[in-house]
Amino acid sequence: MSGYALRLSARLSQAQQLFQRDAQTITPEALESVKAALASSEVEHKSETKKKAIPRKAAGQRWEDPTLTDWPENDFRLFCGDLGNEVNDDVLSKAFSRFPTFNMARVIRDKRTGKTKGYGFVSFSNPSDLAAALKEMNGKYVGNRPIKLRKSTWKERTDVGALGRQKNHIQKKPKLSKKGVLHK
């Protein structure tokens, strides 16, 4: 859940508590305005949870990846390899949480079995924290194995052209094929 969704959820629960406590003393007009505010915040929350997929490309293929919207924009990511099966998102987060601009950590899992694929990613807001984490944590034990760290190359696999078209809602016009003329 994103930071915005958490703040919205906290505001919603706080408003519901106030509503329940003061329901007897509120005028009918004020009651209706509180109900309307709660309904509009629920609509905002639902629209927040709908994710836009980010276009990706790798190995000559293109696809849309909705999981990239969970990550902060303009972050600096670290690839964590050689993770054991006991390592989950929380364990990886605790290992890197001592760095001031740490954002989040994710262990990649097989969709069918739920087992870890043996690698994950850690996000930082500041490149100096990424460099410090790379230097300090490479080869340290997380779980029962030493991890191998590298700078992530995820931005190279994002289809920037398709992402720009998606943001600007510009659609490419189909190219007309030119008929070739054979010369003797």
N, C-alpha and C. Protein backbone atom coordinates (compact mmCIF):
# COMPACT_ATOMS: atom_id res chain seq x y z
N MET A 1 0.85 -1.17 0.00
CA MET A 1 0.00 0.00 0.00
C MET A 1 0.90 1.24 0.00
N SER A 2 0.60 2.22 -0.84
CA SER A 2 1.44 3.40 -0.94
C SER A 2 1.25 4.31 0.27
N GLY A 3 2.16 5.27 0.42
CA GLY A 3 2.09 6.21 1.53
C GLY A 3 0.81 7.03 1.47
N TYR A 4 0.40 7.40 0.27
CA TYR A 4 -0.83 8.18 0.12
C TYR A 4 -2.02 7.37 0.60
N ALA A 5 -2.07 6.10 0.21
CA ALA A 5 -3.19 5.24 0.59
C ALA A 5 -3.22 5.05 2.11
N LEU A 6 -2.05 4.93 2.74
CA LEU A 6 -2.01 4.79 4.19
C LEU A 6 -2.53 6.05 4.89
N ARG A 7 -2.10 7.23 4.40
CA ARG A 7 -2.57 8.48 4.99
C ARG A 7 -4.08 8.64 4.81
N LEU A 8 -4.55 8.28 3.63
CA LEU A 8 -5.97 8.38 3.35
C LEU A 8 -6.76 7.43 4.24
N SER A 9 -6.25 6.23 4.41
CA SER A 9 -6.92 5.26 5.27
C SER A 9 -6.96 5.75 6.72
N ALA A 10 -5.87 6.36 7.19
CA ALA A 10 -5.83 6.89 8.56
C ALA A 10 -6.83 8.02 8.72
N ARG A 11 -6.90 8.92 7.73
CA ARG A 11 -7.87 10.02 7.80
C ARG A 11 -9.29 9.50 7.78
N LEU A 12 -9.52 8.47 6.96
CA LEU A 12 -10.85 7.90 6.87
C LEU A 12 -11.28 7.27 8.20
N SER A 13 -10.40 6.51 8.82
CA SER A 13 -10.75 5.89 10.10
C SER A 13 -10.94 6.94 11.19
N GLN A 14 -10.13 8.00 11.15
CA GLN A 14 -10.27 9.08 12.13
C GLN A 14 -11.62 9.78 11.95
N ALA A 15 -12.01 10.02 10.71
CA ALA A 15 -13.29 10.68 10.44
C ALA A 15 -14.45 9.78 10.87
N GLN A 16 -14.31 8.48 10.64
CA GLN A 16 -15.37 7.56 11.05
C GLN A 16 -15.51 7.53 12.57
N GLN A 17 -14.39 7.57 13.30
CA GLN A 17 -14.44 7.60 14.76
C GLN A 17 -15.13 8.86 15.26
N LEU A 18 -14.75 10.01 14.68
CA LEU A 18 -15.38 11.26 15.06
C LEU A 18 -16.87 11.24 14.74
N PHE A 19 -17.21 10.68 13.61
CA PHE A 19 -18.60 10.59 13.20
C PHE A 19 -19.41 9.76 14.20
N GLN A 20 -18.87 8.61 14.58
CA GLN A 20 -19.58 7.74 15.52
C GLN A 20 -19.71 8.39 16.89
N ARG A 21 -18.67 9.08 17.36
CA ARG A 21 -18.69 9.70 18.68
C ARG A 21 -19.68 10.85 18.75
N ASP A 22 -19.72 11.65 17.70
CA ASP A 22 -20.53 12.86 17.72
C ASP A 22 -21.86 12.72 16.98
N ALA A 23 -22.27 11.50 16.66
CA ALA A 23 -23.50 11.29 15.87
C ALA A 23 -24.73 11.85 16.58
N GLN A 24 -24.75 11.82 17.92
CA GLN A 24 -25.93 12.29 18.64
C GLN A 24 -26.00 13.82 18.68
N THR A 25 -24.87 14.52 18.63
CA THR A 25 -24.88 15.98 18.79
C THR A 25 -24.79 16.74 17.47
N ILE A 26 -24.63 16.06 16.36
CA ILE A 26 -24.48 16.73 15.07
C ILE A 26 -25.86 16.99 14.47
N THR A 27 -25.99 18.16 13.85
CA THR A 27 -27.25 18.50 13.18
C THR A 27 -27.40 17.63 11.92
N PRO A 28 -28.60 17.45 11.44
CA PRO A 28 -28.79 16.62 10.23
C PRO A 28 -28.02 17.15 9.01
N GLU A 29 -27.89 18.47 8.88
CA GLU A 29 -27.15 19.03 7.75
C GLU A 29 -25.66 18.67 7.84
N ALA A 30 -25.11 18.81 9.05
CA ALA A 30 -23.70 18.47 9.25
C ALA A 30 -23.47 16.98 9.06
N LEU A 31 -24.44 16.19 9.47
CA LEU A 31 -24.36 14.74 9.31
C LEU A 31 -24.26 14.38 7.83
N GLU A 32 -25.07 15.02 7.00
CA GLU A 32 -25.04 14.75 5.57
C GLU A 32 -23.71 15.18 4.94
N SER A 33 -23.15 16.31 5.39
CA SER A 33 -21.87 16.75 4.83
C SER A 33 -20.74 15.81 5.22
N VAL A 34 -20.78 15.26 6.43
CA VAL A 34 -19.75 14.29 6.85
C VAL A 34 -19.87 13.01 6.03
N LYS A 35 -21.11 12.56 5.81
CA LYS A 35 -21.32 11.37 5.00
C LYS A 35 -20.81 11.57 3.58
N ALA A 36 -21.04 12.75 3.02
CA ALA A 36 -20.58 13.06 1.66
C ALA A 36 -19.05 13.08 1.60
N ALA A 37 -18.43 13.64 2.64
CA ALA A 37 -16.97 13.68 2.68
C ALA A 37 -16.39 12.26 2.77
N LEU A 38 -17.00 11.42 3.57
CA LEU A 38 -16.55 10.03 3.68
C LEU A 38 -16.71 9.29 2.36
N ALA A 39 -17.82 9.51 1.69
CA ALA A 39 -18.06 8.84 0.41
C ALA A 39 -17.05 9.30 -0.63
N SER A 40 -16.73 10.59 -0.68
CA SER A 40 -15.77 11.07 -1.67
C SER A 40 -14.37 10.55 -1.37
N SER A 41 -14.00 10.40 -0.09
CA SER A 41 -12.67 9.87 0.22
C SER A 41 -12.57 8.40 -0.14
N GLU A 42 -13.69 7.66 -0.04
CA GLU A 42 -13.68 6.26 -0.46
C GLU A 42 -13.52 6.16 -1.96
N VAL A 43 -14.13 7.08 -2.72
CA VAL A 43 -13.98 7.10 -4.17
C VAL A 43 -12.53 7.40 -4.52
N GLU A 44 -11.90 8.36 -3.83
CA GLU A 44 -10.50 8.68 -4.06
C GLU A 44 -9.63 7.47 -3.78
N HIS A 45 -9.93 6.75 -2.69
CA HIS A 45 -9.15 5.57 -2.32
C HIS A 45 -9.26 4.49 -3.39
N LYS A 46 -10.46 4.29 -3.92
CA LYS A 46 -10.63 3.28 -4.97
C LYS A 46 -9.88 3.66 -6.23
N SER A 47 -9.89 4.94 -6.59
CA SER A 47 -9.15 5.36 -7.78
C SER A 47 -7.65 5.25 -7.55
N GLU A 48 -7.18 5.43 -6.31
CA GLU A 48 -5.77 5.28 -5.98
C GLU A 48 -5.33 3.84 -6.13
N THR A 49 -6.21 2.91 -5.77
CA THR A 49 -5.82 1.50 -5.82
C THR A 49 -5.79 0.95 -7.24
N LYS A 50 -6.47 1.60 -8.18
CA LYS A 50 -6.36 1.16 -9.57
C LYS A 50 -4.99 1.55 -10.08
N LYS A 51 -4.24 0.57 -10.52
CA LYS A 51 -2.86 0.82 -10.93
C LYS A 51 -2.78 0.91 -12.45
N LYS A 52 -1.96 1.83 -12.90
CA LYS A 52 -1.66 1.89 -14.31
C LYS A 52 -0.43 1.03 -14.54
N ALA A 53 -0.47 0.24 -15.56
CA ALA A 53 0.66 -0.61 -15.87
C ALA A 53 1.73 0.20 -16.59
N ILE A 54 2.96 -0.10 -16.28
CA ILE A 54 4.09 0.59 -16.90
C ILE A 54 4.64 -0.30 -18.01
N PRO A 55 4.79 0.25 -19.22
CA PRO A 55 5.30 -0.57 -20.32
C PRO A 55 6.76 -0.95 -20.09
N ARG A 56 7.09 -2.21 -20.39
CA ARG A 56 8.45 -2.73 -20.22
C ARG A 56 8.89 -3.40 -21.51
N LYS A 57 10.21 -3.53 -21.67
CA LYS A 57 10.73 -4.30 -22.79
C LYS A 57 12.01 -4.98 -22.36
N ALA A 58 12.17 -6.22 -22.77
CA ALA A 58 13.37 -7.01 -22.51
C ALA A 58 13.33 -8.23 -23.42
N ALA A 59 14.48 -8.68 -23.83
CA ALA A 59 14.61 -9.87 -24.67
C ALA A 59 13.73 -9.80 -25.91
N GLY A 60 13.60 -8.61 -26.46
CA GLY A 60 12.83 -8.43 -27.68
C GLY A 60 11.33 -8.47 -27.49
N GLN A 61 10.86 -8.53 -26.24
CA GLN A 61 9.43 -8.58 -25.98
C GLN A 61 9.00 -7.31 -25.26
N ARG A 62 7.73 -6.97 -25.41
CA ARG A 62 7.15 -5.82 -24.72
C ARG A 62 5.94 -6.29 -23.94
N TRP A 63 5.77 -5.76 -22.73
CA TRP A 63 4.61 -6.09 -21.90
C TRP A 63 4.36 -4.95 -20.93
N GLU A 64 3.23 -5.00 -20.24
CA GLU A 64 2.89 -3.97 -19.25
C GLU A 64 2.99 -4.58 -17.87
N ASP A 65 3.66 -3.85 -16.97
CA ASP A 65 3.95 -4.36 -15.62
C ASP A 65 3.30 -3.46 -14.58
N PRO A 66 2.18 -3.90 -13.94
CA PRO A 66 1.52 -3.07 -12.93
C PRO A 66 2.26 -3.02 -11.60
N THR A 67 3.21 -3.92 -11.36
CA THR A 67 3.90 -3.94 -10.07
C THR A 67 4.88 -2.78 -9.92
N LEU A 68 5.29 -2.16 -11.02
CA LEU A 68 6.24 -1.05 -10.92
C LEU A 68 5.62 0.20 -10.31
N THR A 69 4.30 0.30 -10.27
CA THR A 69 3.67 1.47 -9.68
C THR A 69 3.76 1.45 -8.16
N ASP A 70 4.11 0.29 -7.57
CA ASP A 70 4.28 0.20 -6.12
C ASP A 70 5.55 0.92 -5.65
N TRP A 71 6.51 1.10 -6.56
CA TRP A 71 7.80 1.69 -6.21
C TRP A 71 7.74 3.21 -6.31
N PRO A 72 8.54 3.90 -5.48
CA PRO A 72 8.59 5.37 -5.59
C PRO A 72 9.18 5.81 -6.93
N GLU A 73 8.73 6.97 -7.40
CA GLU A 73 9.29 7.50 -8.64
C GLU A 73 10.67 8.07 -8.37
N ASN A 74 11.52 8.02 -9.36
CA ASN A 74 12.88 8.58 -9.30
C ASN A 74 13.68 8.04 -8.12
N ASP A 75 13.56 6.76 -7.87
CA ASP A 75 14.33 6.15 -6.79
C ASP A 75 15.61 5.52 -7.35
N PHE A 76 16.45 5.06 -6.47
CA PHE A 76 17.70 4.40 -6.83
C PHE A 76 17.62 2.99 -6.26
N ARG A 77 17.71 1.98 -7.15
CA ARG A 77 17.49 0.60 -6.71
C ARG A 77 18.75 -0.23 -6.73
N LEU A 78 18.74 -1.16 -5.79
CA LEU A 78 19.85 -2.07 -5.60
C LEU A 78 19.32 -3.49 -5.82
N PHE A 79 20.02 -4.27 -6.63
CA PHE A 79 19.69 -5.67 -6.86
C PHE A 79 20.35 -6.49 -5.76
N CYS A 80 19.59 -7.36 -5.10
CA CYS A 80 20.11 -8.23 -4.04
C CYS A 80 19.99 -9.66 -4.52
N GLY A 81 21.12 -10.31 -4.76
CA GLY A 81 21.11 -11.68 -5.27
C GLY A 81 21.51 -12.68 -4.21
N ASP A 82 21.30 -13.95 -4.51
CA ASP A 82 21.67 -15.08 -3.66
C ASP A 82 20.92 -15.06 -2.33
N LEU A 83 19.63 -14.76 -2.37
CA LEU A 83 18.81 -14.76 -1.16
C LEU A 83 18.28 -16.16 -0.89
N GLY A 84 18.24 -16.55 0.37
CA GLY A 84 17.72 -17.86 0.75
C GLY A 84 16.20 -17.86 0.80
N ASN A 85 15.61 -19.06 0.93
CA ASN A 85 14.16 -19.19 0.97
C ASN A 85 13.53 -18.56 2.20
N GLU A 86 14.31 -18.38 3.28
CA GLU A 86 13.75 -17.82 4.51
C GLU A 86 13.66 -16.30 4.47
N VAL A 87 14.26 -15.68 3.47
CA VAL A 87 14.26 -14.21 3.37
C VAL A 87 12.95 -13.75 2.73
N ASN A 88 12.26 -12.84 3.40
CA ASN A 88 11.05 -12.24 2.85
C ASN A 88 11.23 -10.72 2.82
N ASP A 89 10.18 -9.99 2.45
CA ASP A 89 10.26 -8.54 2.35
C ASP A 89 10.67 -7.90 3.67
N ASP A 90 10.13 -8.39 4.78
CA ASP A 90 10.43 -7.81 6.09
C ASP A 90 11.88 -8.00 6.48
N VAL A 91 12.42 -9.19 6.26
CA VAL A 91 13.82 -9.46 6.61
C VAL A 91 14.74 -8.57 5.79
N LEU A 92 14.46 -8.44 4.50
CA LEU A 92 15.27 -7.60 3.63
C LEU A 92 15.14 -6.12 4.03
N SER A 93 13.93 -5.71 4.40
CA SER A 93 13.72 -4.32 4.85
C SER A 93 14.49 -4.03 6.12
N LYS A 94 14.47 -4.95 7.08
CA LYS A 94 15.20 -4.74 8.34
C LYS A 94 16.70 -4.65 8.11
N ALA A 95 17.20 -5.40 7.14
CA ALA A 95 18.64 -5.38 6.86
C ALA A 95 19.09 -4.02 6.31
N PHE A 96 18.22 -3.34 5.57
CA PHE A 96 18.61 -2.07 4.94
C PHE A 96 17.95 -0.85 5.58
N SER A 97 17.14 -1.02 6.59
CA SER A 97 16.40 0.11 7.17
C SER A 97 17.28 1.10 7.91
N ARG A 98 18.51 0.75 8.21
CA ARG A 98 19.39 1.68 8.93
C ARG A 98 19.88 2.82 8.05
N PHE A 99 19.70 2.70 6.74
CA PHE A 99 20.10 3.78 5.84
C PHE A 99 18.98 4.82 5.81
N PRO A 100 19.33 6.10 5.95
CA PRO A 100 18.31 7.15 6.14
C PRO A 100 17.26 7.27 5.03
N THR A 101 17.65 7.09 3.78
CA THR A 101 16.68 7.30 2.70
C THR A 101 16.14 5.98 2.16
N PHE A 102 16.19 4.93 2.94
CA PHE A 102 15.62 3.63 2.53
C PHE A 102 14.12 3.80 2.32
N ASN A 103 13.62 3.30 1.18
CA ASN A 103 12.19 3.39 0.87
C ASN A 103 11.47 2.07 1.11
N MET A 104 11.89 1.05 0.39
CA MET A 104 11.20 -0.24 0.49
C MET A 104 12.08 -1.35 -0.05
N ALA A 105 11.71 -2.59 0.27
CA ALA A 105 12.43 -3.76 -0.22
C ALA A 105 11.41 -4.78 -0.68
N ARG A 106 11.74 -5.53 -1.71
CA ARG A 106 10.84 -6.55 -2.22
C ARG A 106 11.64 -7.77 -2.65
N VAL A 107 11.24 -8.94 -2.17
CA VAL A 107 11.82 -10.21 -2.59
C VAL A 107 10.93 -10.76 -3.70
N ILE A 108 11.52 -11.14 -4.81
CA ILE A 108 10.76 -11.63 -5.95
C ILE A 108 10.44 -13.11 -5.74
N ARG A 109 9.17 -13.45 -5.93
CA ARG A 109 8.70 -14.81 -5.69
C ARG A 109 8.05 -15.40 -6.93
N ASP A 110 8.08 -16.72 -7.04
CA ASP A 110 7.41 -17.43 -8.12
C ASP A 110 5.90 -17.29 -7.91
N LYS A 111 5.17 -16.97 -8.96
CA LYS A 111 3.73 -16.73 -8.84
C LYS A 111 2.97 -18.00 -8.46
N ARG A 112 3.40 -19.13 -8.97
CA ARG A 112 2.67 -20.37 -8.71
C ARG A 112 3.01 -21.00 -7.37
N THR A 113 4.31 -21.09 -7.05
CA THR A 113 4.71 -21.81 -5.84
C THR A 113 4.85 -20.90 -4.63
N GLY A 114 5.10 -19.60 -4.85
CA GLY A 114 5.29 -18.67 -3.74
C GLY A 114 6.70 -18.70 -3.17
N LYS A 115 7.56 -19.56 -3.71
CA LYS A 115 8.94 -19.62 -3.22
C LYS A 115 9.74 -18.47 -3.82
N THR A 116 10.76 -18.05 -3.09
CA THR A 116 11.61 -16.97 -3.59
C THR A 116 12.40 -17.43 -4.81
N LYS A 117 12.62 -16.48 -5.71
CA LYS A 117 13.45 -16.78 -6.88
C LYS A 117 14.92 -16.56 -6.59
N GLY A 118 15.23 -16.13 -5.36
CA GLY A 118 16.62 -15.97 -4.97
C GLY A 118 17.18 -14.58 -5.14
N TYR A 119 16.31 -13.62 -5.48
CA TYR A 119 16.77 -12.24 -5.60
C TYR A 119 15.67 -11.28 -5.20
N GLY A 120 16.06 -10.03 -5.00
CA GLY A 120 15.12 -9.00 -4.63
C GLY A 120 15.68 -7.63 -4.95
N PHE A 121 14.95 -6.59 -4.58
CA PHE A 121 15.35 -5.21 -4.85
C PHE A 121 15.12 -4.35 -3.63
N VAL A 122 15.99 -3.35 -3.46
CA VAL A 122 15.89 -2.39 -2.36
C VAL A 122 15.93 -1.00 -2.98
N SER A 123 15.07 -0.12 -2.50
CA SER A 123 14.93 1.23 -3.06
C SER A 123 15.43 2.28 -2.07
N PHE A 124 16.15 3.27 -2.59
CA PHE A 124 16.64 4.40 -1.81
C PHE A 124 16.27 5.70 -2.52
N SER A 125 16.09 6.78 -1.75
CA SER A 125 15.80 8.08 -2.34
C SER A 125 17.06 8.83 -2.74
N ASN A 126 18.18 8.47 -2.14
CA ASN A 126 19.42 9.20 -2.34
C ASN A 126 20.49 8.26 -2.89
N PRO A 127 21.21 8.67 -3.96
CA PRO A 127 22.24 7.79 -4.52
C PRO A 127 23.41 7.55 -3.57
N SER A 128 23.67 8.47 -2.65
CA SER A 128 24.78 8.24 -1.72
C SER A 128 24.46 7.11 -0.74
N ASP A 129 23.18 6.97 -0.35
CA ASP A 129 22.79 5.84 0.49
C ASP A 129 22.87 4.53 -0.28
N LEU A 130 22.55 4.58 -1.56
CA LEU A 130 22.69 3.39 -2.39
C LEU A 130 24.15 2.96 -2.43
N ALA A 131 25.05 3.91 -2.63
CA ALA A 131 26.48 3.59 -2.69
C ALA A 131 26.98 3.07 -1.34
N ALA A 132 26.52 3.68 -0.25
CA ALA A 132 26.93 3.23 1.08
C ALA A 132 26.42 1.82 1.36
N ALA A 133 25.19 1.54 0.99
CA ALA A 133 24.62 0.21 1.19
C ALA A 133 25.35 -0.82 0.35
N LEU A 134 25.68 -0.47 -0.87
CA LEU A 134 26.41 -1.37 -1.75
C LEU A 134 27.77 -1.72 -1.16
N LYS A 135 28.43 -0.71 -0.61
CA LYS A 135 29.76 -0.92 -0.04
C LYS A 135 29.70 -1.71 1.28
N GLU A 136 28.77 -1.35 2.16
CA GLU A 136 28.71 -1.96 3.49
C GLU A 136 28.04 -3.33 3.52
N MET A 137 27.02 -3.52 2.71
CA MET A 137 26.20 -4.73 2.84
C MET A 137 26.57 -5.85 1.88
N ASN A 138 27.40 -5.58 0.88
CA ASN A 138 27.77 -6.63 -0.07
C ASN A 138 28.55 -7.72 0.64
N GLY A 139 28.07 -8.94 0.57
CA GLY A 139 28.72 -10.08 1.23
C GLY A 139 28.27 -10.32 2.66
N LYS A 140 27.43 -9.44 3.22
CA LYS A 140 26.92 -9.64 4.58
C LYS A 140 25.80 -10.68 4.56
N TYR A 141 25.64 -11.36 5.68
CA TYR A 141 24.60 -12.38 5.77
C TYR A 141 23.24 -11.74 6.01
N VAL A 142 22.30 -12.07 5.15
CA VAL A 142 20.89 -11.74 5.33
C VAL A 142 20.19 -13.09 5.27
N GLY A 143 19.64 -13.52 6.38
CA GLY A 143 19.15 -14.89 6.47
C GLY A 143 20.35 -15.79 6.71
N ASN A 144 20.45 -16.87 5.97
CA ASN A 144 21.57 -17.78 6.18
C ASN A 144 22.57 -17.79 5.04
N ARG A 145 22.52 -16.77 4.17
CA ARG A 145 23.47 -16.68 3.06
C ARG A 145 24.02 -15.26 2.95
N PRO A 146 25.25 -15.14 2.45
CA PRO A 146 25.76 -13.79 2.16
C PRO A 146 25.12 -13.27 0.86
N ILE A 147 24.68 -12.03 0.87
CA ILE A 147 24.01 -11.49 -0.31
C ILE A 147 25.02 -10.86 -1.25
N LYS A 148 24.66 -10.86 -2.52
CA LYS A 148 25.48 -10.23 -3.56
C LYS A 148 24.70 -9.03 -4.08
N LEU A 149 25.32 -7.89 -4.04
CA LEU A 149 24.63 -6.65 -4.42
C LEU A 149 25.19 -6.07 -5.72
N ARG A 150 24.31 -5.53 -6.52
CA ARG A 150 24.67 -4.82 -7.76
C ARG A 150 23.67 -3.67 -7.93
N LYS A 151 24.08 -2.65 -8.68
CA LYS A 151 23.15 -1.57 -9.00
C LYS A 151 22.13 -2.13 -9.99
N SER A 152 20.86 -1.86 -9.73
CA SER A 152 19.79 -2.39 -10.56
C SER A 152 19.78 -1.71 -11.93
N THR A 153 19.39 -2.46 -12.95
CA THR A 153 19.29 -1.93 -14.31
C THR A 153 17.84 -1.85 -14.77
N TRP A 154 16.91 -1.68 -13.82
CA TRP A 154 15.49 -1.70 -14.17
C TRP A 154 15.10 -0.56 -15.10
N LYS A 155 15.75 0.59 -14.99
CA LYS A 155 15.37 1.72 -15.85
C LYS A 155 15.70 1.45 -17.30
N GLU A 156 16.73 0.63 -17.55
CA GLU A 156 17.09 0.30 -18.92
C GLU A 156 16.03 -0.58 -19.57
N ARG A 157 15.23 -1.25 -18.76
CA ARG A 157 14.22 -2.15 -19.29
C ARG A 157 12.85 -1.51 -19.37
N THR A 158 12.71 -0.29 -18.93
CA THR A 158 11.44 0.42 -19.04
C THR A 158 11.33 0.97 -20.45
N ASP A 159 10.21 0.77 -21.07
CA ASP A 159 9.98 1.25 -22.42
C ASP A 159 9.61 2.73 -22.34
N VAL A 160 10.62 3.59 -22.38
CA VAL A 160 10.44 5.02 -22.17
C VAL A 160 9.52 5.64 -23.21
N GLY A 161 9.64 5.22 -24.44
CA GLY A 161 8.79 5.76 -25.49
C GLY A 161 7.32 5.46 -25.25
N ALA A 162 7.04 4.22 -24.89
CA ALA A 162 5.65 3.83 -24.62
C ALA A 162 5.13 4.52 -23.37
N LEU A 163 6.01 4.70 -22.38
CA LEU A 163 5.61 5.38 -21.16
C LEU A 163 5.25 6.84 -21.44
N GLY A 164 6.03 7.50 -22.30
CA GLY A 164 5.75 8.88 -22.67
C GLY A 164 4.44 9.01 -23.41
N ARG A 165 4.17 8.07 -24.31
CA ARG A 165 2.89 8.10 -25.04
C ARG A 165 1.74 7.86 -24.08
N GLN A 166 1.96 6.97 -23.09
CA GLN A 166 0.90 6.68 -22.13
C GLN A 166 0.59 7.91 -21.28
N LYS A 167 1.63 8.64 -20.87
CA LYS A 167 1.43 9.82 -20.04
C LYS A 167 0.78 10.96 -20.83
N ASN A 168 1.18 11.13 -22.07
CA ASN A 168 0.67 12.24 -22.87
C ASN A 168 -0.57 11.87 -23.67
N HIS A 169 -0.97 10.61 -23.60
CA HIS A 169 -2.12 10.11 -24.35
C HIS A 169 -1.98 10.37 -25.84
N ILE A 170 -0.76 10.27 -26.33
CA ILE A 170 -0.50 10.44 -27.75
C ILE A 170 -0.41 9.05 -28.37
N GLN A 171 -1.14 8.84 -29.41
CA GLN A 171 -1.07 7.55 -30.07
C GLN A 171 -0.34 7.73 -31.39
N LYS A 172 0.54 6.78 -31.69
CA LYS A 172 1.27 6.83 -32.94
C LYS A 172 0.33 6.57 -34.11
N LYS A 173 0.56 7.31 -35.15
CA LYS A 173 -0.20 7.07 -36.36
C LYS A 173 0.44 5.89 -37.08
N PRO A 174 -0.37 5.01 -37.64
CA PRO A 174 0.22 3.87 -38.34
C PRO A 174 0.98 4.35 -39.57
N LYS A 175 2.12 3.74 -39.80
CA LYS A 175 2.94 4.11 -40.95
C LYS A 175 2.36 3.47 -42.20
N LEU A 176 2.30 4.26 -43.24
CA LEU A 176 1.82 3.75 -44.51
C LEU A 176 2.97 3.07 -45.22
N SER A 177 2.71 1.90 -45.75
CA SER A 177 3.79 1.19 -46.43
C SER A 177 4.00 1.81 -47.81
N LYS A 178 5.27 1.96 -48.14
CA LYS A 178 5.59 2.52 -49.45
C LYS A 178 5.75 1.38 -50.44
N LYS A 179 5.16 1.53 -51.57
CA LYS A 179 5.28 0.50 -52.58
C LYS A 179 6.59 0.70 -53.32
N GLY A 180 7.38 -0.32 -53.34
CA GLY A 180 8.69 -0.23 -53.99
C GLY A 180 8.56 -0.38 -55.50
N VAL A 181 9.43 0.29 -56.18
CA VAL A 181 9.45 0.20 -57.64
C VAL A 181 10.71 -0.55 -58.00
N LEU A 182 10.57 -1.59 -58.78
CA LEU A 182 11.73 -2.37 -59.22
C LEU A 182 12.30 -1.74 -60.48
N HIS A 183 13.58 -1.53 -60.46
CA HIS A 183 14.27 -0.98 -61.64
C HIS A 183 15.11 -2.05 -62.26
N LYS A 184 15.19 -2.06 -63.58
CA LYS A 184 16.02 -3.05 -64.28
C LYS A 184 17.34 -2.48 -64.62
